[in-house]
Amino acid sequence: MNKCSKRIILGSGSPRRRELLAGLDVEFTVDTGNTFQESVPDGVRPEDVPLIMSEGKSHGFHRPLESDELLITADTVVIVDGRVLGKPHSREQAFEMLRELSGREHEVVSAVTFRTTDRERSIKDSTMVFVSPLSEEEIAYYVDTYRPYDKAGGYGIQEWLGYAAIGRIEGSFYNVMGFPVHRVWELLQEFAS
């Protein structure tokens, strides 16, 4: 097994991404300093949004990288009916998103960018998620108990909603959590030297 010779920096404040990267048994530090302003140009396809965001976060890192550093950035979106559902900013928005996802399928797309002083590579991964019909009481319980305001689409698959209402996925479970670790591992091997 190749061990990455670079000092790995995770440029994400997500506790889930920290947990998942740690699960690959690699050493890393977290540095979320960034100047990138998240906005999407008009006409961008929904499935390309996380790639634009991930690369933007990489290039918006608050300082130049050193020659022995590897920066990892990521972004995840939920797509339903050809529209991106971001993170809900209120209880009402979380309710609205979960009503929209109830009883149907949606796509979760994550992008990850690896960058050193002399190389850059980005990947995307996609997972289809099938959500059972949710009652208003179930939505209220989930939103009020778990407060999913930092999660794309207003839910976390690793929380109560995932246990109770997600009957099937096609693709990576960890991608739905926001970090396709199997693809991250491939990139770590590629950047190992």
Foldseek 3Di string as FASTA:
>chain_A
DFAAQAAEEEQDPDPLVVVLVVVVVHDYYYDNAFDQDQDDDPPDFPLCSFVVVQVSRVVRHPDAADQRYKYKGKDKWKDDPRDTFAFDPDLVSLLVLVQRLEQAKIKMKMKMWIDHNPDIDMDMFMKIWGWYHDDSVRSCCCCVVVVQRHAHSNDALVDPRVVPTTDDMGGDNSVNNHDRVVVVVVVSVVNRD
